[in-house]
């Protein structure tokens, strides 16, 4: 969970520079998308074993449930707590973690695309 909190914190900071009002909405969306793609990738293994496919409705329901959970967990109040926690972070460590966040986002998308191609 700490990793997702850190992703939320850093993405909120990035969007705060681009758009000053409600940047946590964008960060929450990206974190939710990556979490959902990871979950769908893992679930697709079960569907591959059973030689079946999941529907668009299944994908939509799973993503909406994940979004609803994140609406309650990744809030503006949580961002303020996280900002206080990581405000003294070393710049070298901060840069390394930023690369890991980008790697996570890209890997989530690529893994999901690979699993989709295997399923079809």
C-alpha atoms as a PDB file:
ATOM      1  CA  UNK A   1       0.000   0.000   0.000  1.00  0.00           C
ATOM      2  CA  UNK A   2       2.926   2.300   0.697  1.00  0.00           C
ATOM      3  CA  UNK A   3       3.912   2.157  -2.977  1.00  0.00           C
ATOM      4  CA  UNK A   4       0.440   3.219  -4.114  1.00  0.00           C
ATOM      5  CA  UNK A   5       0.420   6.033  -1.586  1.00  0.00           C
ATOM      6  CA  UNK A   6       3.763   7.214  -2.885  1.00  0.00           C
ATOM      7  CA  UNK A   7       2.540   7.040  -6.494  1.00  0.00           C
ATOM      8  CA  UNK A   8      -0.532   9.028  -5.515  1.00  0.00           C
ATOM      9  CA  UNK A   9       1.606  11.610  -3.721  1.00  0.00           C
ATOM     10  CA  UNK A  10       4.086  12.088  -6.573  1.00  0.00           C
ATOM     11  CA  UNK A  11       1.441  12.132  -9.298  1.00  0.00           C
ATOM     12  CA  UNK A  12      -0.586  14.667  -7.325  1.00  0.00           C
ATOM     13  CA  UNK A  13       2.523  16.847  -7.063  1.00  0.00           C
ATOM     14  CA  UNK A  14       3.073  16.582 -10.805  1.00  0.00           C
ATOM     15  CA  UNK A  15      -0.516  17.569 -11.607  1.00  0.00           C
ATOM     16  CA  UNK A  16      -0.418  20.341  -9.018  1.00  0.00           C
ATOM     17  CA  UNK A  17       2.166  22.069 -11.218  1.00  0.00           C
ATOM     18  CA  UNK A  18       0.065  21.577 -14.366  1.00  0.00           C
ATOM     19  CA  UNK A  19      -3.373  22.251 -12.906  1.00  0.00           C
ATOM     20  CA  UNK A  20      -3.658  23.890  -9.490  1.00  0.00           C
ATOM     21  CA  UNK A  21      -7.227  22.828  -8.755  1.00  0.00           C
ATOM     22  CA  UNK A  22      -7.960  19.253  -7.623  1.00  0.00           C
ATOM     23  CA  UNK A  23      -4.774  17.550  -8.867  1.00  0.00           C
ATOM     24  CA  UNK A  24      -5.515  14.492  -6.735  1.00  0.00           C
ATOM     25  CA  UNK A  25      -8.345  13.562  -9.112  1.00  0.00           C
ATOM     26  CA  UNK A  26      -5.865  12.937 -11.934  1.00  0.00           C
ATOM     27  CA  UNK A  27      -3.427  11.088  -9.673  1.00  0.00           C
ATOM     28  CA  UNK A  28      -6.229   8.926  -8.294  1.00  0.00           C
ATOM     29  CA  UNK A  29      -7.286   8.092 -11.845  1.00  0.00           C
ATOM     30  CA  UNK A  30      -3.814   6.971 -12.914  1.00  0.00           C
ATOM     31  CA  UNK A  31      -3.279   4.901  -9.776  1.00  0.00           C
ATOM     32  CA  UNK A  32      -6.717   3.306 -10.187  1.00  0.00           C
ATOM     33  CA  UNK A  33      -6.058   2.540 -13.858  1.00  0.00           C
ATOM     34  CA  UNK A  34      -2.743   0.845 -13.083  1.00  0.00           C
ATOM     35  CA  UNK A  35      -4.202  -1.140 -10.184  1.00  0.00           C
ATOM     36  CA  UNK A  36      -7.124  -2.251 -12.348  1.00  0.00           C
ATOM     37  CA  UNK A  37      -4.865  -3.287 -15.226  1.00  0.00           C
ATOM     38  CA  UNK A  38      -2.706  -5.290 -12.831  1.00  0.00           C
ATOM     39  CA  UNK A  39      -5.732  -7.020 -11.362  1.00  0.00           C
ATOM     40  CA  UNK A  40      -7.143  -7.779 -14.816  1.00  0.00           C
ATOM     41  CA  UNK A  41      -3.769  -9.170 -15.893  1.00  0.00           C
ATOM     42  CA  UNK A  42      -3.703 -11.509 -12.912  1.00  0.00           C
ATOM     43  CA  UNK A  43      -7.311 -12.564 -13.423  1.00  0.00           C
ATOM     44  CA  UNK A  44      -6.686 -13.212 -17.096  1.00  0.00           C
ATOM     45  CA  UNK A  45      -4.413 -16.093 -16.104  1.00  0.00           C
ATOM     46  CA  UNK A  46      -7.479 -17.849 -14.663  1.00  0.00           C
ATOM     47  CA  UNK A  47      -9.447 -17.127 -17.811  1.00  0.00           C
ATOM     48  CA  UNK A  48      -6.615 -18.480 -19.978  1.00  0.00           C
ATOM     49  CA  UNK A  49      -6.492 -21.677 -17.909  1.00  0.00           C
ATOM     50  CA  UNK A  50     -10.275 -22.081 -18.327  1.00  0.00           C
ATOM     51  CA  UNK A  51     -10.014 -21.198 -22.022  1.00  0.00           C
ATOM     52  CA  UNK A  52     -12.498 -18.316 -21.745  1.00  0.00           C
ATOM     53  CA  UNK A  53     -12.542 -14.536 -21.923  1.00  0.00           C
ATOM     54  CA  UNK A  54     -13.925 -11.821 -19.682  1.00  0.00           C
ATOM     55  CA  UNK A  55     -16.451  -9.312 -20.938  1.00  0.00           C
ATOM     56  CA  UNK A  56     -16.381  -5.543 -21.171  1.00  0.00           C
ATOM     57  CA  UNK A  57     -18.975  -5.446 -18.372  1.00  0.00           C
ATOM     58  CA  UNK A  58     -16.607  -7.402 -16.121  1.00  0.00           C
ATOM     59  CA  UNK A  59     -13.809  -4.942 -16.870  1.00  0.00           C
ATOM     60  CA  UNK A  60     -16.082  -1.975 -16.218  1.00  0.00           C
ATOM     61  CA  UNK A  61     -17.401  -3.350 -12.939  1.00  0.00           C
ATOM     62  CA  UNK A  62     -13.911  -4.196 -11.697  1.00  0.00           C
ATOM     63  CA  UNK A  63     -12.574  -0.744 -12.574  1.00  0.00           C
ATOM     64  CA  UNK A  64     -15.568   1.009 -10.984  1.00  0.00           C
ATOM     65  CA  UNK A  65     -15.200  -0.981  -7.766  1.00  0.00           C
ATOM     66  CA  UNK A  66     -11.512  -0.143  -7.660  1.00  0.00           C
ATOM     67  CA  UNK A  67     -12.286   3.530  -8.276  1.00  0.00           C
ATOM     68  CA  UNK A  68     -14.885   3.592  -5.502  1.00  0.00           C
ATOM     69  CA  UNK A  69     -12.394   2.079  -3.038  1.00  0.00           C
ATOM     70  CA  UNK A  70      -9.740   4.610  -4.095  1.00  0.00           C
ATOM     71  CA  UNK A  71     -12.208   7.491  -3.730  1.00  0.00           C
ATOM     72  CA  UNK A  72     -12.329   6.748  -0.020  1.00  0.00           C
ATOM     73  CA  UNK A  73      -8.634   5.952   0.432  1.00  0.00           C
ATOM     74  CA  UNK A  74      -6.830   8.446  -1.827  1.00  0.00           C
ATOM     75  CA  UNK A  75      -8.284  11.743  -0.656  1.00  0.00           C
ATOM     76  CA  UNK A  76      -7.047  15.301  -0.354  1.00  0.00           C
ATOM     77  CA  UNK A  77      -6.644  14.728   3.385  1.00  0.00           C
ATOM     78  CA  UNK A  78      -4.492  11.668   2.684  1.00  0.00           C
ATOM     79  CA  UNK A  79      -2.377  13.722   0.285  1.00  0.00           C
ATOM     80  CA  UNK A  80      -1.692  16.291   3.021  1.00  0.00           C
ATOM     81  CA  UNK A  81      -0.589  13.472   5.360  1.00  0.00           C
ATOM     82  CA  UNK A  82       1.663  12.019   2.666  1.00  0.00           C
ATOM     83  CA  UNK A  83       3.119  15.435   1.856  1.00  0.00           C
ATOM     84  CA  UNK A  84       4.102  15.855   5.491  1.00  0.00           C
ATOM     85  CA  UNK A  85       5.602  12.377   5.535  1.00  0.00           C
ATOM     86  CA  UNK A  86       7.780  12.778   2.424  1.00  0.00           C
ATOM     87  CA  UNK A  87       8.608  16.489   2.441  1.00  0.00           C
ATOM     88  CA  UNK A  88      12.210  15.877   3.618  1.00  0.00           C
ATOM     89  CA  UNK A  89      12.930  13.280   0.936  1.00  0.00           C
ATOM     90  CA  UNK A  90      16.420  13.143  -0.563  1.00  0.00           C
ATOM     91  CA  UNK A  91      16.471  14.459  -4.167  1.00  0.00           C
ATOM     92  CA  UNK A  92      18.485  11.489  -5.494  1.00  0.00           C
ATOM     93  CA  UNK A  93      16.103   9.028  -3.869  1.00  0.00           C
ATOM     94  CA  UNK A  94      13.180  11.077  -5.158  1.00  0.00           C
ATOM     95  CA  UNK A  95      14.470  10.884  -8.734  1.00  0.00           C
ATOM     96  CA  UNK A  96      15.016   7.124  -8.522  1.00  0.00           C
ATOM     97  CA  UNK A  97      11.511   6.602  -7.176  1.00  0.00           C
ATOM     98  CA  UNK A  98      10.092   8.716  -9.994  1.00  0.00           C
ATOM     99  CA  UNK A  99      11.682   6.356 -12.522  1.00  0.00           C
ATOM    100  CA  UNK A 100      10.153   3.418 -10.661  1.00  0.00           C
ATOM    101  CA  UNK A 101       6.722   5.029 -10.830  1.00  0.00           C
ATOM    102  CA  UNK A 102       7.030   5.528 -14.591  1.00  0.00           C
ATOM    103  CA  UNK A 103       8.287   1.950 -14.949  1.00  0.00           C
ATOM    104  CA  UNK A 104       5.274   0.740 -12.969  1.00  0.00           C
ATOM    105  CA  UNK A 105       2.811   2.679 -15.133  1.00  0.00           C
ATOM    106  CA  UNK A 106       4.387   1.474 -18.387  1.00  0.00           C
ATOM    107  CA  UNK A 107       4.756  -2.110 -17.138  1.00  0.00           C
ATOM    108  CA  UNK A 108       1.096  -2.171 -16.069  1.00  0.00           C
ATOM    109  CA  UNK A 109      -0.056  -1.149 -19.528  1.00  0.00           C
ATOM    110  CA  UNK A 110       2.329  -3.470 -21.388  1.00  0.00           C
ATOM    111  CA  UNK A 111       1.521  -6.466 -19.178  1.00  0.00           C
ATOM    112  CA  UNK A 112      -2.196  -5.963 -19.715  1.00  0.00           C
ATOM    113  CA  UNK A 113      -1.727  -5.686 -23.488  1.00  0.00           C
ATOM    114  CA  UNK A 114       0.342  -8.884 -23.531  1.00  0.00           C
ATOM    115  CA  UNK A 115      -2.267 -10.737 -21.509  1.00  0.00           C
ATOM    116  CA  UNK A 116      -4.999  -9.511 -23.868  1.00  0.00           C
ATOM    117  CA  UNK A 117      -3.082 -10.803 -26.861  1.00  0.00           C
ATOM    118  CA  UNK A 118      -2.569 -14.168 -25.187  1.00  0.00           C
ATOM    119  CA  UNK A 119      -6.265 -14.426 -24.364  1.00  0.00           C
ATOM    120  CA  UNK A 120      -7.411 -13.798 -27.938  1.00  0.00           C
END
